[in-house]
Amino acid sequence: MQFIANSWLILNLTGNGSSVAVLLFVSTIPGIFFSFTFGAFVDQINRKYLAISIDIFRASVLLTVPLVWWFDLLHPWHIYAATFLVSVGDELFYSTTNALVCDIFSREALLTANSVANITYQAGAVLGTGISGLVISLYSPYAVMIINAFTFLISAVCILNVAYTGSQSKKSAEVENFKGSNTNVFTNVREGLYYALKRLDIVSIYLVLLLLFTTVRAINALLSPFVQQELNLGAVEFGLIDAAFSVGAIIGCLLLPIVVSIFKKKAIMIFCIWALSGSLVLFSISRNLFLAILGYFLIGLFLQVRVLYQTIAQRMTDANFQGRMYSLFSTCLAIESLIVYLAIGILGDFVSYQVLYVAQAALIGITGLVAIKLLSARELYHHVLREE
């Protein structure tokens, strides 16, 4: 909802299409430069109240934009500033809730909790897109901002009512080696980097997760031009194809805990990556709406194996370092996203979008080979195969 409202506002204020690109760039800055530092706060402060504070902060930022507009003082820099501040809140909130869910749920329930959270996200994305377009057409983008601000406040109230007693983990011998714990932010950042270097098994899981997220970033940037130029279809068909991904993602999250209870985790983690690669190829060669919808549905379905990788990474990470490890991943993801968008923008002028989809399929195929190697390592055996 928020991106659609911001894009609409900045276009109306500037009349320049490049302003949307600037908006995207501004939204990536917090993830690149501040995300890992945020992780140090997440690991030191009560995560429940931190999440509530972030929701209130984001709601306050969004409500200032309609207020400034009401007094006829709104300028483009207000939208850029609000986008930056909300993105700061988003980065801190994602790291906080990723750690918070590990504190609230047991190891056995963690996969189901992550799956339900992802279903909620996908459903919210679908509903948010439709609602924002309707509200803008009937009222204004400022109404969307007010609605979004109230969703943050509702989120804060919901988190407030969550039973939370703090981290479930005890201080491990490994954590006790970090003598500088609970001192200052810079010390905690340094300890987080040291912990990551010591736990390359966790980093390897996050590496596969990072490559999977590359697919999300790439297909988001490729879909619109592919539908227009390769499939010669319009906006309605584009919406149907995009919705197919969300349907596949929701079904994938619903099935994942069931499938994991039946089959071996290692087999699922490898098979779904290869199936995702095949789905990307299927979509790239589609020449009609039916095959395009089927291909995008399968992409959404098999891509949810990322929830399993995320859950295993959470289980392997000491609770005292959950925030910093996820924030390190978020930093890498922000940098990777910027590279992907720039690469697609450049390569799109030289090669077809079909070739770019095939290239993404090849990258995921290589990721499958990396996963086979990593999941065969002795360090990961205890964390993956032990739980069969």
Protein backbone atom coordinates (compact mmCIF):
# COMPACT_ATOMS: atom_id res chain seq x y z
CA MET A 1 0.00 0.00 0.00
CA GLN A 2 2.68 2.45 1.05
CA PHE A 3 4.83 2.17 -2.06
CA ILE A 4 1.84 2.72 -4.35
CA ALA A 5 0.78 5.82 -2.40
CA ASN A 6 4.34 7.20 -2.29
CA SER A 7 4.84 6.60 -6.02
CA TRP A 8 1.57 8.30 -6.87
CA LEU A 9 2.36 11.29 -4.68
CA ILE A 10 5.92 11.79 -5.90
CA LEU A 11 4.80 11.58 -9.53
CA ASN A 12 2.11 14.19 -8.92
CA LEU A 13 4.51 16.48 -7.07
CA THR A 14 7.41 16.26 -9.53
CA GLY A 15 5.84 15.19 -12.82
CA ASN A 16 9.04 13.22 -13.42
CA GLY A 17 9.06 9.43 -13.80
CA SER A 18 12.66 9.22 -12.57
CA SER A 19 11.45 10.39 -9.15
CA VAL A 20 10.08 6.88 -8.54
CA ALA A 21 13.57 5.47 -9.12
CA VAL A 22 14.92 7.97 -6.58
CA LEU A 23 12.21 6.84 -4.18
CA LEU A 24 13.34 3.21 -4.57
CA PHE A 25 16.95 4.20 -4.02
CA VAL A 26 16.08 6.15 -0.85
CA SER A 27 14.20 3.13 0.50
CA THR A 28 17.32 0.91 0.12
CA ILE A 29 19.72 3.22 2.00
CA PRO A 30 18.76 2.12 5.56
CA GLY A 31 19.20 -1.55 4.69
CA ILE A 32 22.65 -0.98 3.22
CA PHE A 33 24.13 1.37 5.80
CA PHE A 34 22.25 0.84 9.07
CA SER A 35 20.75 -2.65 9.13
CA PHE A 36 23.61 -4.46 10.86
CA THR A 37 23.87 -1.75 13.52
CA PHE A 38 20.15 -2.20 14.17
CA GLY A 39 20.81 -5.84 14.99
CA ALA A 40 22.92 -4.79 17.96
CA PHE A 41 19.93 -2.90 19.39
CA VAL A 42 17.65 -5.90 18.80
CA ASP A 43 19.98 -8.14 20.81
CA GLN A 44 20.21 -5.69 23.74
CA ILE A 45 16.69 -4.25 24.16
CA ASN A 46 13.40 -5.91 25.12
CA ARG A 47 12.23 -7.07 21.69
CA LYS A 48 8.52 -6.83 22.40
CA TYR A 49 8.62 -3.18 23.43
CA LEU A 50 11.09 -2.38 20.67
CA ALA A 51 8.65 -3.75 18.07
CA ILE A 52 5.80 -1.72 19.59
CA SER A 53 7.92 1.45 19.58
CA ILE A 54 8.84 0.93 15.91
CA ASP A 55 5.16 0.56 14.95
CA ILE A 56 4.30 3.80 16.75
CA PHE A 57 7.26 5.54 15.09
CA ARG A 58 6.23 4.44 11.60
CA ALA A 59 2.61 5.45 12.19
CA SER A 60 3.74 8.88 13.38
CA VAL A 61 5.91 9.40 10.30
CA LEU A 62 3.09 8.49 7.93
CA LEU A 63 0.57 10.74 9.69
CA THR A 64 2.86 13.76 9.30
CA VAL A 65 2.56 13.64 5.50
CA PRO A 66 -1.22 14.27 5.34
CA LEU A 67 -0.77 16.85 8.09
CA VAL A 68 1.86 18.76 6.09
CA TRP A 69 -0.33 18.49 2.99
CA TRP A 70 -3.31 19.87 4.95
CA PHE A 71 -1.34 23.04 5.65
CA ASP A 72 -0.33 23.23 1.98
CA LEU A 73 3.35 22.82 2.79
CA LEU A 74 4.05 19.48 1.10
CA HIS A 75 7.14 19.21 -1.11
CA PRO A 76 8.87 16.21 -2.75
CA TRP A 77 11.55 16.10 -0.06
CA HIS A 78 8.85 15.38 2.53
CA ILE A 79 7.96 12.19 0.64
CA TYR A 80 11.62 11.18 0.33
CA ALA A 81 12.20 11.86 4.03
CA ALA A 82 9.11 9.90 5.07
CA THR A 83 10.14 7.01 2.81
CA PHE A 84 13.61 6.98 4.36
CA LEU A 85 12.31 7.06 7.93
CA VAL A 86 9.70 4.36 7.34
CA SER A 87 12.38 2.21 5.67
CA VAL A 88 14.54 2.69 8.77
CA GLY A 89 11.61 1.46 10.84
CA ASP A 90 10.99 -1.45 8.47
CA GLU A 91 14.58 -2.68 8.69
CA LEU A 92 14.59 -2.51 12.47
CA PHE A 93 11.12 -4.09 12.72
CA TYR A 94 12.01 -7.08 10.51
CA SER A 95 15.13 -7.82 12.55
CA THR A 96 13.18 -7.43 15.78
CA THR A 97 10.26 -9.66 14.82
CA ASN A 98 12.59 -12.31 13.34
CA ALA A 99 14.23 -12.58 16.77
CA LEU A 100 10.97 -12.11 18.67
CA VAL A 101 9.29 -15.08 17.01
CA CYS A 102 12.21 -17.27 18.14
CA ASP A 103 11.63 -16.11 21.73
CA ILE A 104 7.89 -16.71 21.66
CA PHE A 105 7.66 -20.07 19.87
CA SER A 106 9.36 -23.37 20.63
CA ARG A 107 11.78 -24.91 18.13
CA GLU A 108 9.11 -27.39 17.08
CA ALA A 109 6.54 -24.66 16.38
CA LEU A 110 8.94 -22.27 14.67
CA LEU A 111 8.39 -23.55 11.11
CA THR A 112 4.62 -23.30 11.44
CA ALA A 113 4.92 -19.80 12.92
CA ASN A 114 7.14 -18.64 10.05
CA SER A 115 4.79 -20.20 7.50
CA VAL A 116 1.75 -18.47 9.00
CA ALA A 117 3.65 -15.16 9.07
CA ASN A 118 4.52 -15.53 5.39
CA ILE A 119 0.90 -16.38 4.52
CA THR A 120 -0.20 -13.22 6.31
CA TYR A 121 2.38 -11.19 4.41
CA GLN A 122 1.29 -12.56 1.03
CA ALA A 123 -2.40 -12.06 1.79
CA GLY A 124 -1.67 -8.54 3.00
CA ALA A 125 0.28 -7.76 -0.17
CA VAL A 126 -2.61 -8.88 -2.39
CA LEU A 127 -5.27 -7.06 -0.36
CA GLY A 128 -3.08 -4.00 0.10
CA THR A 129 -2.49 -3.58 -3.62
CA GLY A 130 -6.20 -3.74 -4.40
CA ILE A 131 -7.27 -1.57 -1.49
CA SER A 132 -4.67 1.13 -2.17
CA GLY A 133 -5.72 1.44 -5.80
CA LEU A 134 -9.38 1.69 -4.82
CA VAL A 135 -8.75 4.24 -2.04
CA ILE A 136 -6.59 6.42 -4.30
CA SER A 137 -9.23 6.40 -7.02
CA LEU A 138 -12.07 7.19 -4.61
CA TYR A 139 -10.27 9.53 -2.20
CA SER A 140 -6.54 10.30 -2.34
CA PRO A 141 -3.11 8.78 -1.63
CA TYR A 142 -3.16 10.63 1.70
CA ALA A 143 -6.07 8.42 2.77
CA VAL A 144 -3.87 5.38 2.03
CA MET A 145 -1.19 6.78 4.32
CA ILE A 146 -3.70 7.30 7.12
CA ILE A 147 -5.00 3.73 6.71
CA ASN A 148 -1.46 2.36 6.70
CA ALA A 149 -0.61 4.37 9.83
CA PHE A 150 -3.56 2.82 11.63
CA THR A 151 -2.45 -0.68 10.57
CA PHE A 152 0.86 0.03 12.34
CA LEU A 153 -1.02 1.08 15.46
CA ILE A 154 -3.16 -2.07 15.29
CA SER A 155 0.05 -4.09 14.97
CA ALA A 156 1.42 -2.37 18.09
CA VAL A 157 -1.71 -3.26 20.07
CA CYS A 158 -1.52 -6.90 18.92
CA ILE A 159 2.16 -7.18 19.92
CA LEU A 160 1.38 -5.56 23.27
CA ASN A 161 -1.00 -8.44 24.03
CA VAL A 162 1.57 -11.13 23.17
CA ALA A 163 2.83 -13.06 26.19
CA TYR A 164 6.58 -12.47 26.27
CA THR A 165 9.10 -13.30 28.97
CA GLY A 166 12.29 -12.56 27.07
CA SER A 167 14.78 -14.78 25.30
CA GLN A 168 14.26 -18.52 25.70
CA SER A 169 17.95 -19.36 25.40
CA LYS A 170 20.43 -19.65 28.19
CA LYS A 171 23.90 -18.20 27.90
CA SER A 172 25.89 -20.84 26.04
CA ALA A 173 29.61 -21.35 26.54
CA GLU A 174 30.06 -19.94 23.07
CA VAL A 175 28.27 -16.73 24.00
CA GLU A 176 30.10 -16.42 27.31
CA ASN A 177 33.33 -16.05 25.30
CA PHE A 178 32.14 -12.63 24.20
CA LYS A 179 33.30 -10.60 27.17
CA GLY A 180 32.10 -7.31 25.76
CA SER A 181 28.43 -8.24 25.80
CA ASN A 182 25.98 -5.60 26.99
CA THR A 183 28.47 -2.74 26.61
CA ASN A 184 28.06 -0.45 23.61
CA VAL A 185 26.68 -0.66 20.10
CA PHE A 186 30.05 -0.75 18.34
CA THR A 187 31.31 -3.53 20.57
CA ASN A 188 28.16 -5.53 19.93
CA VAL A 189 28.47 -4.99 16.17
CA ARG A 190 32.05 -6.28 16.33
CA GLU A 191 30.95 -9.28 18.38
CA GLY A 192 28.23 -10.00 15.83
CA LEU A 193 30.78 -10.08 13.01
CA TYR A 194 33.04 -12.31 15.09
CA TYR A 195 30.13 -14.66 15.81
CA ALA A 196 29.30 -14.84 12.08
CA LEU A 197 32.92 -15.71 11.25
CA LYS A 198 32.85 -18.46 13.87
CA ARG A 199 29.53 -19.83 12.64
CA LEU A 200 30.08 -20.22 8.93
CA ASP A 201 27.53 -23.05 8.98
CA ILE A 202 24.81 -20.48 9.75
CA VAL A 203 26.25 -18.07 7.19
CA SER A 204 26.04 -20.81 4.55
CA ILE A 205 22.31 -21.27 5.20
CA TYR A 206 21.79 -17.52 4.93
CA LEU A 207 23.81 -17.57 1.69
CA VAL A 208 21.32 -19.99 0.10
CA LEU A 209 18.49 -17.87 1.50
CA LEU A 210 20.09 -14.78 -0.06
CA LEU A 211 20.24 -16.46 -3.47
CA LEU A 212 16.58 -17.45 -3.15
CA PHE A 213 15.64 -13.87 -2.34
CA THR A 214 17.48 -12.85 -5.52
CA THR A 215 14.69 -14.59 -7.39
CA VAL A 216 12.04 -12.46 -5.68
CA ARG A 217 13.88 -9.26 -6.52
CA ALA A 218 14.59 -10.30 -10.09
CA ILE A 219 11.10 -11.48 -11.04
CA ASN A 220 9.54 -8.36 -9.50
CA ALA A 221 11.66 -6.22 -11.81
CA LEU A 222 11.24 -8.49 -14.86
CA LEU A 223 7.53 -9.31 -14.78
CA SER A 224 6.02 -6.10 -16.14
CA PRO A 225 8.28 -5.75 -19.23
CA PHE A 226 8.09 -9.51 -19.86
CA VAL A 227 4.28 -9.46 -19.90
CA GLN A 228 4.22 -6.43 -22.18
CA GLN A 229 7.03 -7.23 -24.60
CA GLU A 230 7.29 -11.03 -24.63
CA LEU A 231 3.68 -12.09 -24.01
CA ASN A 232 2.02 -9.00 -25.56
CA LEU A 233 -0.57 -8.93 -22.78
CA GLY A 234 -2.17 -6.06 -20.89
CA ALA A 235 -2.69 -4.85 -17.34
CA VAL A 236 -5.50 -7.30 -16.52
CA GLU A 237 -3.40 -10.30 -17.54
CA PHE A 238 -0.45 -8.85 -15.63
CA GLY A 239 -2.60 -8.75 -12.49
CA LEU A 240 -3.70 -12.36 -12.96
CA ILE A 241 -0.13 -13.58 -13.39
CA ASP A 242 1.07 -11.62 -10.37
CA ALA A 243 -1.83 -12.95 -8.28
CA ALA A 244 -0.89 -16.51 -9.29
CA PHE A 245 2.44 -16.06 -7.49
CA SER A 246 0.68 -15.03 -4.27
CA VAL A 247 -1.73 -17.98 -4.50
CA GLY A 248 1.21 -20.35 -5.01
CA ALA A 249 3.08 -18.77 -2.09
CA ILE A 250 0.11 -19.14 0.25
CA ILE A 251 -0.46 -22.78 -0.74
CA GLY A 252 3.27 -23.45 -0.42
CA CYS A 253 3.33 -22.10 3.13
CA LEU A 254 0.25 -24.11 4.05
CA LEU A 255 1.79 -27.32 2.72
CA LEU A 256 5.35 -26.82 3.98
CA PRO A 257 4.87 -27.95 7.63
CA ILE A 258 2.91 -30.99 6.39
CA VAL A 259 5.50 -31.96 3.78
CA VAL A 260 8.35 -31.52 6.28
CA SER A 261 6.59 -33.92 8.67
CA ILE A 262 6.47 -36.59 5.94
CA PHE A 263 9.70 -36.26 3.96
CA LYS A 264 13.32 -35.62 4.90
CA LYS A 265 14.24 -31.96 5.26
CA LYS A 266 17.39 -32.29 3.20
CA ALA A 267 15.47 -33.76 0.27
CA ILE A 268 12.85 -31.00 0.44
CA MET A 269 15.47 -28.24 0.66
CA ILE A 270 17.22 -29.49 -2.48
CA PHE A 271 14.20 -30.62 -4.53
CA CYS A 272 12.32 -27.33 -4.14
CA ILE A 273 15.32 -25.34 -5.38
CA TRP A 274 15.58 -27.50 -8.51
CA ALA A 275 11.81 -27.33 -8.99
CA LEU A 276 12.01 -23.53 -8.68
CA SER A 277 14.65 -23.45 -11.40
CA GLY A 278 12.42 -25.55 -13.66
CA SER A 279 9.43 -23.30 -12.94
CA LEU A 280 11.43 -20.26 -14.01
CA VAL A 281 12.29 -21.99 -17.28
CA LEU A 282 8.64 -22.92 -17.79
CA PHE A 283 7.58 -19.32 -17.28
CA SER A 284 10.29 -18.00 -19.59
CA ILE A 285 9.10 -20.18 -22.50
CA SER A 286 5.39 -19.53 -21.92
CA ARG A 287 3.64 -17.96 -24.88
CA ASN A 288 0.08 -17.81 -23.58
CA LEU A 289 -1.70 -16.69 -20.44
CA PHE A 290 -2.38 -20.20 -19.12
CA LEU A 291 1.27 -21.29 -19.13
CA ALA A 292 2.36 -17.95 -17.70
CA ILE A 293 -0.09 -18.26 -14.79
CA LEU A 294 0.96 -21.89 -14.21
CA GLY A 295 4.65 -21.01 -14.28
CA TYR A 296 4.27 -18.08 -11.90
CA PHE A 297 2.08 -20.16 -9.57
CA LEU A 298 4.81 -22.82 -9.38
CA ILE A 299 7.47 -20.18 -8.78
CA GLY A 300 5.49 -18.88 -5.80
CA LEU A 301 4.87 -22.43 -4.57
CA PHE A 302 8.44 -23.74 -4.60
CA LEU A 303 10.02 -20.47 -3.51
CA GLN A 304 8.50 -20.96 -0.05
CA VAL A 305 11.28 -23.40 0.74
CA ARG A 306 13.00 -20.21 1.86
CA VAL A 307 10.81 -20.40 5.00
CA LEU A 308 12.44 -23.74 5.84
CA TYR A 309 15.93 -22.32 5.31
CA GLN A 310 15.05 -19.31 7.46
CA THR A 311 13.70 -21.55 10.24
CA ILE A 312 16.84 -23.69 10.28
CA ALA A 313 19.02 -20.57 10.41
CA GLN A 314 16.97 -19.31 13.37
CA ARG A 315 17.28 -22.63 15.18
CA MET A 316 21.05 -22.70 14.67
CA THR A 317 21.60 -19.12 15.90
CA ASP A 318 21.95 -18.37 19.59
CA ALA A 319 19.10 -16.11 20.72
CA ASN A 320 21.62 -13.53 21.93
CA PHE A 321 22.74 -13.06 18.31
CA GLN A 322 19.46 -13.46 16.41
CA GLY A 323 19.17 -9.73 15.71
CA ARG A 324 22.73 -9.30 14.48
CA MET A 325 22.75 -12.40 12.27
CA TYR A 326 19.46 -11.48 10.59
CA SER A 327 20.57 -7.86 10.23
CA LEU A 328 23.78 -9.00 8.53
CA PHE A 329 21.60 -10.95 6.11
CA SER A 330 19.38 -7.88 5.60
CA THR A 331 22.41 -5.74 4.80
CA CYS A 332 23.60 -8.21 2.18
CA LEU A 333 20.06 -8.45 0.81
CA ALA A 334 19.79 -4.67 0.43
CA ILE A 335 23.10 -4.51 -1.44
CA GLU A 336 22.14 -7.49 -3.58
CA SER A 337 18.75 -5.94 -4.41
CA LEU A 338 20.40 -2.74 -5.61
CA ILE A 339 22.80 -4.74 -7.80
CA VAL A 340 19.94 -6.81 -9.25
CA TYR A 341 17.87 -3.74 -10.14
CA LEU A 342 20.86 -2.01 -11.74
CA ALA A 343 21.84 -5.15 -13.67
CA ILE A 344 18.34 -5.69 -15.02
CA GLY A 345 18.08 -2.02 -15.97
CA ILE A 346 21.32 -2.26 -17.95
CA LEU A 347 20.93 -5.74 -19.44
CA GLY A 348 17.32 -5.11 -20.43
CA ASP A 349 18.60 -2.87 -23.23
CA PHE A 350 20.79 -5.60 -24.71
CA VAL A 351 19.08 -8.97 -24.18
CA SER A 352 15.48 -10.16 -24.11
CA TYR A 353 13.62 -10.54 -20.84
CA GLN A 354 13.16 -14.21 -21.67
CA VAL A 355 16.93 -14.65 -21.58
CA LEU A 356 17.06 -12.87 -18.22
CA TYR A 357 14.49 -15.30 -16.79
CA VAL A 358 16.55 -18.23 -18.10
CA ALA A 359 19.66 -16.68 -16.51
CA GLN A 360 17.80 -16.47 -13.20
CA ALA A 361 16.81 -20.13 -13.59
CA ALA A 362 20.47 -21.02 -14.15
CA LEU A 363 21.47 -19.10 -11.01
CA ILE A 364 18.91 -21.03 -8.97
CA GLY A 365 20.18 -24.27 -10.54
CA ILE A 366 23.66 -23.38 -9.30
CA THR A 367 22.12 -22.60 -5.92
CA GLY A 368 20.79 -26.17 -5.91
CA LEU A 369 24.32 -27.49 -6.36
CA VAL A 370 25.53 -25.20 -3.55
CA ALA A 371 22.73 -26.50 -1.31
CA ILE A 372 23.73 -30.13 -1.97
CA LYS A 373 27.31 -29.34 -0.97
CA LEU A 374 26.36 -27.36 2.11
CA LEU A 375 23.74 -29.79 3.40
CA SER A 376 26.24 -32.63 3.10
CA ALA A 377 28.68 -30.86 5.40
CA ARG A 378 29.15 -32.43 8.80
CA GLU A 379 28.53 -29.11 10.56
CA LEU A 380 24.96 -28.98 9.26
CA TYR A 381 24.17 -32.65 9.84
CA HIS A 382 23.33 -32.10 13.50
CA HIS A 383 20.97 -29.24 12.77
CA VAL A 384 19.13 -30.65 9.73
CA LEU A 385 19.25 -34.43 9.66
CA ARG A 386 19.07 -34.86 13.45
CA GLU A 387 15.50 -33.52 13.46
CA GLU A 388 14.10 -36.00 10.93
